[in-house]
């Protein structure tokens, strides 16, 4: 915090515009995260939060839940419910709306996706199991890849089948016809496709 406060005060003292301050602080955060072995500020601050809780818990029971990629619900309150469009949910919506035609990724990579209601259930069970048991932090990783692994290409195929049967209805009240998403294994092949599909017709 001292480093951040010092840099922030320096920028304000020299009268730097807010846009410059925001960009500088963003880059500083990434730099500090990488300095301590983390790829970005997202995972770095999550780690800082866990460390802070462990240092401050005193005699309280502490349970830390680390879910993998959280998706829409499995059952509760109803299948597919989501509160916002983040992480993998944006992939589903973009596909359903016909806005996602291609993607770069490994076909056989395992996508460790876990429905949000399963995460909530795991949290409740963990809290009950460790209630009134002061101890070191109990950490649980909640995921699906061990028992029910699913590949990226399978997720894309499931989405295609689902939105073909139950299409997204656009603002005009018409169903959106989806197409299979093309999955490229490299950036080079993706660039080649983009040039042939979109750039060449413009010349």
Protein backbone atom coordinates (compact mmCIF):
# COMPACT_ATOMS: atom_id res chain seq x y z
CA UNK A 1 0.00 0.00 0.00
CA UNK A 2 2.90 2.37 0.74
CA UNK A 3 4.22 1.98 -2.81
CA UNK A 4 0.77 2.68 -4.27
CA UNK A 5 0.17 5.73 -2.06
CA UNK A 6 3.60 7.11 -2.87
CA UNK A 7 3.15 6.76 -6.64
CA UNK A 8 -0.38 8.15 -6.47
CA UNK A 9 0.74 11.21 -4.52
CA UNK A 10 3.58 11.82 -6.98
CA UNK A 11 1.18 11.80 -9.92
CA UNK A 12 -1.31 14.10 -8.20
CA UNK A 13 1.44 16.50 -7.14
CA UNK A 14 2.62 16.95 -10.71
CA UNK A 15 -0.98 17.50 -11.83
CA UNK A 16 -1.33 14.39 -13.99
CA UNK A 17 -4.76 13.99 -15.64
CA UNK A 18 -7.06 11.26 -14.31
CA UNK A 19 -6.68 9.18 -17.47
CA UNK A 20 -2.91 9.08 -17.03
CA UNK A 21 -3.25 8.20 -13.34
CA UNK A 22 -5.67 5.36 -14.10
CA UNK A 23 -3.40 3.88 -16.77
CA UNK A 24 -0.31 4.20 -14.59
CA UNK A 25 -1.99 2.55 -11.60
CA UNK A 26 -3.29 -0.27 -13.80
CA UNK A 27 0.20 -0.95 -15.13
CA UNK A 28 1.68 -0.67 -11.65
CA UNK A 29 -0.79 -3.26 -10.37
CA UNK A 30 0.15 -5.70 -13.12
CA UNK A 31 3.84 -5.06 -12.49
CA UNK A 32 3.46 -5.73 -8.76
CA UNK A 33 1.44 -8.88 -9.41
CA UNK A 34 4.09 -10.31 -11.73
CA UNK A 35 6.81 -9.35 -9.26
CA UNK A 36 5.20 -11.66 -6.71
CA UNK A 37 4.60 -14.51 -9.17
CA UNK A 38 1.03 -13.81 -10.32
CA UNK A 39 0.02 -13.22 -13.96
CA UNK A 40 -2.46 -10.41 -13.29
CA UNK A 41 -4.08 -8.28 -10.62
CA UNK A 42 -7.21 -10.45 -10.54
CA UNK A 43 -5.55 -13.53 -9.07
CA UNK A 44 -3.07 -11.40 -7.12
CA UNK A 45 -5.78 -9.52 -5.21
CA UNK A 46 -7.71 -12.75 -4.57
CA UNK A 47 -4.58 -14.15 -2.96
CA UNK A 48 -4.11 -10.98 -0.95
CA UNK A 49 -7.70 -11.29 0.27
CA UNK A 50 -7.15 -14.87 1.41
CA UNK A 51 -3.96 -13.90 3.21
CA UNK A 52 -5.71 -11.00 4.94
CA UNK A 53 -8.54 -13.24 6.12
CA UNK A 54 -6.13 -15.82 7.50
CA UNK A 55 -4.18 -13.16 9.38
CA UNK A 56 -7.30 -11.50 10.80
CA UNK A 57 -9.49 -14.48 11.67
CA UNK A 58 -8.13 -15.00 15.20
CA UNK A 59 -10.25 -17.85 16.69
CA UNK A 60 -12.97 -17.79 14.06
CA UNK A 61 -13.58 -20.70 11.73
CA UNK A 62 -12.43 -19.89 8.21
CA UNK A 63 -13.41 -21.68 5.02
CA UNK A 64 -12.10 -20.59 1.64
CA UNK A 65 -13.89 -21.78 -1.49
CA UNK A 66 -12.00 -21.66 -4.78
CA UNK A 67 -14.39 -22.42 -7.65
CA UNK A 68 -13.18 -22.94 -11.19
CA UNK A 69 -15.06 -21.29 -14.10
CA UNK A 70 -18.53 -20.53 -12.73
CA UNK A 71 -21.42 -20.95 -15.16
CA UNK A 72 -25.22 -20.77 -15.05
CA UNK A 73 -27.16 -22.94 -12.65
CA UNK A 74 -27.68 -26.67 -12.91
CA UNK A 75 -31.03 -26.80 -11.09
CA UNK A 76 -31.69 -23.94 -8.67
CA UNK A 77 -33.61 -21.64 -8.96
CA UNK A 78 -34.03 -23.11 -12.46
CA UNK A 79 -31.62 -24.60 -15.03
CA UNK A 80 -29.46 -22.06 -16.84
CA UNK A 81 -30.11 -19.08 -14.56
CA UNK A 82 -27.37 -16.42 -14.52
CA UNK A 83 -27.25 -13.05 -12.81
CA UNK A 84 -24.77 -11.43 -15.16
CA UNK A 85 -22.83 -12.14 -18.32
CA UNK A 86 -19.26 -12.80 -17.33
CA UNK A 87 -16.62 -15.45 -17.96
CA UNK A 88 -17.94 -18.38 -19.99
CA UNK A 89 -21.52 -17.08 -20.08
CA UNK A 90 -20.47 -14.41 -22.59
CA UNK A 91 -19.38 -17.23 -24.90
CA UNK A 92 -22.82 -18.83 -24.77
CA UNK A 93 -24.70 -15.59 -25.33
CA UNK A 94 -22.46 -14.43 -28.17
CA UNK A 95 -22.96 -17.80 -29.84
CA UNK A 96 -26.73 -17.75 -29.32
CA UNK A 97 -26.99 -14.25 -30.81
CA UNK A 98 -25.01 -15.33 -33.87
CA UNK A 99 -22.15 -12.95 -33.06
CA UNK A 100 -19.49 -15.58 -32.43
CA UNK A 101 -18.40 -17.40 -35.56
CA UNK A 102 -14.88 -18.51 -34.69
CA UNK A 103 -12.58 -18.95 -31.72
CA UNK A 104 -8.94 -19.73 -30.98
CA UNK A 105 -8.37 -22.65 -28.61
CA UNK A 106 -7.26 -26.23 -28.18
CA UNK A 107 -9.98 -28.72 -29.08
CA UNK A 108 -8.99 -31.21 -26.38
CA UNK A 109 -8.43 -28.73 -23.56
CA UNK A 110 -10.57 -29.47 -20.51
CA UNK A 111 -12.87 -26.61 -19.54
CA UNK A 112 -13.33 -26.88 -15.79
CA UNK A 113 -16.81 -25.38 -15.57
CA UNK A 114 -18.95 -25.57 -12.43
CA UNK A 115 -22.60 -24.43 -12.14
CA UNK A 116 -23.11 -21.61 -9.66
CA UNK A 117 -25.73 -23.46 -7.59
CA UNK A 118 -23.23 -26.28 -7.01
CA UNK A 119 -20.71 -23.70 -5.79
CA UNK A 120 -23.28 -22.25 -3.38
CA UNK A 121 -24.17 -25.73 -2.11
CA UNK A 122 -20.49 -26.47 -1.53
CA UNK A 123 -20.15 -23.23 0.44
CA UNK A 124 -23.10 -24.09 2.67
CA UNK A 125 -21.87 -27.64 3.33
CA UNK A 126 -18.34 -26.41 4.09
CA UNK A 127 -19.63 -23.78 6.53
CA UNK A 128 -21.75 -26.31 8.38
CA UNK A 129 -18.93 -28.87 8.46
CA UNK A 130 -16.46 -26.41 9.99
CA UNK A 131 -18.77 -24.37 12.21
CA UNK A 132 -17.38 -23.82 15.70
CA UNK A 133 -14.11 -25.50 14.77
CA UNK A 134 -11.41 -22.83 15.07
CA UNK A 135 -8.43 -23.99 13.05
CA UNK A 136 -6.21 -23.06 10.17
CA UNK A 137 -8.02 -22.07 6.99
CA UNK A 138 -9.89 -24.91 5.31
CA UNK A 139 -9.54 -24.52 1.55
CA UNK A 140 -11.78 -26.28 -0.96
CA UNK A 141 -11.36 -26.29 -4.72
CA UNK A 142 -14.77 -26.69 -6.35
CA UNK A 143 -14.66 -27.91 -9.94
CA UNK A 144 -15.93 -30.54 -12.34
CA UNK A 145 -12.96 -31.75 -14.38
CA UNK A 146 -12.08 -34.70 -12.14
CA UNK A 147 -15.47 -36.44 -12.25
CA UNK A 148 -17.05 -34.90 -15.32
CA UNK A 149 -14.41 -33.48 -17.68
CA UNK A 150 -15.68 -31.62 -20.72
CA UNK A 151 -13.59 -30.31 -23.59
CA UNK A 152 -13.86 -26.90 -25.22
CA UNK A 153 -15.05 -28.40 -28.49
CA UNK A 154 -17.76 -30.34 -26.63
CA UNK A 155 -19.03 -27.17 -24.96
CA UNK A 156 -19.24 -25.46 -28.34
CA UNK A 157 -21.08 -28.46 -29.80
CA UNK A 158 -23.53 -28.56 -26.88
CA UNK A 159 -24.23 -24.87 -27.36
CA UNK A 160 -24.86 -25.35 -31.08
CA UNK A 161 -27.29 -28.21 -30.49
CA UNK A 162 -29.12 -26.35 -27.71
CA UNK A 163 -29.53 -23.05 -29.55
CA UNK A 164 -30.56 -24.86 -32.72
CA UNK A 165 -33.44 -26.47 -30.82
CA UNK A 166 -34.18 -23.42 -28.66
CA UNK A 167 -33.01 -20.36 -30.61
CA UNK A 168 -32.40 -16.92 -29.19
CA UNK A 169 -35.21 -14.49 -30.05
CA UNK A 170 -33.85 -11.18 -31.32
CA UNK A 171 -35.31 -7.68 -30.86
CA UNK A 172 -37.43 -8.13 -33.96
CA UNK A 173 -39.04 -11.19 -32.39
CA UNK A 174 -37.38 -13.58 -34.81
CA UNK A 175 -35.32 -16.67 -33.91
CA UNK A 176 -31.58 -16.42 -34.53
CA UNK A 177 -30.15 -19.18 -36.69
CA UNK A 178 -26.83 -20.32 -35.25
CA UNK A 179 -23.93 -21.92 -37.06
CA UNK A 180 -21.18 -24.17 -35.76
CA UNK A 181 -18.30 -22.22 -34.28
CA UNK A 182 -15.01 -22.75 -36.09
CA UNK A 183 -12.24 -23.56 -33.62
CA UNK A 184 -8.69 -22.63 -34.62
CA UNK A 185 -5.73 -24.21 -32.87
CA UNK A 186 -3.37 -21.29 -33.54
CA UNK A 187 -3.39 -17.52 -34.00
CA UNK A 188 -1.76 -17.98 -37.41
CA UNK A 189 -4.64 -20.11 -38.72
CA UNK A 190 -7.12 -17.64 -37.25
CA UNK A 191 -5.43 -14.70 -39.02
CA UNK A 192 -5.41 -16.66 -42.27
CA UNK A 193 -9.13 -17.31 -41.99
CA UNK A 194 -9.88 -13.66 -41.20
CA UNK A 195 -7.92 -12.49 -44.24
CA UNK A 196 -9.65 -14.90 -46.61
CA UNK A 197 -13.12 -14.52 -45.11
CA UNK A 198 -13.23 -10.78 -44.47
CA UNK A 199 -10.23 -8.84 -45.83
CA UNK A 200 -9.93 -10.22 -49.36
CA UNK A 201 -13.60 -9.53 -50.27
CA UNK A 202 -12.99 -5.86 -49.42
CA UNK A 203 -10.14 -5.52 -51.91
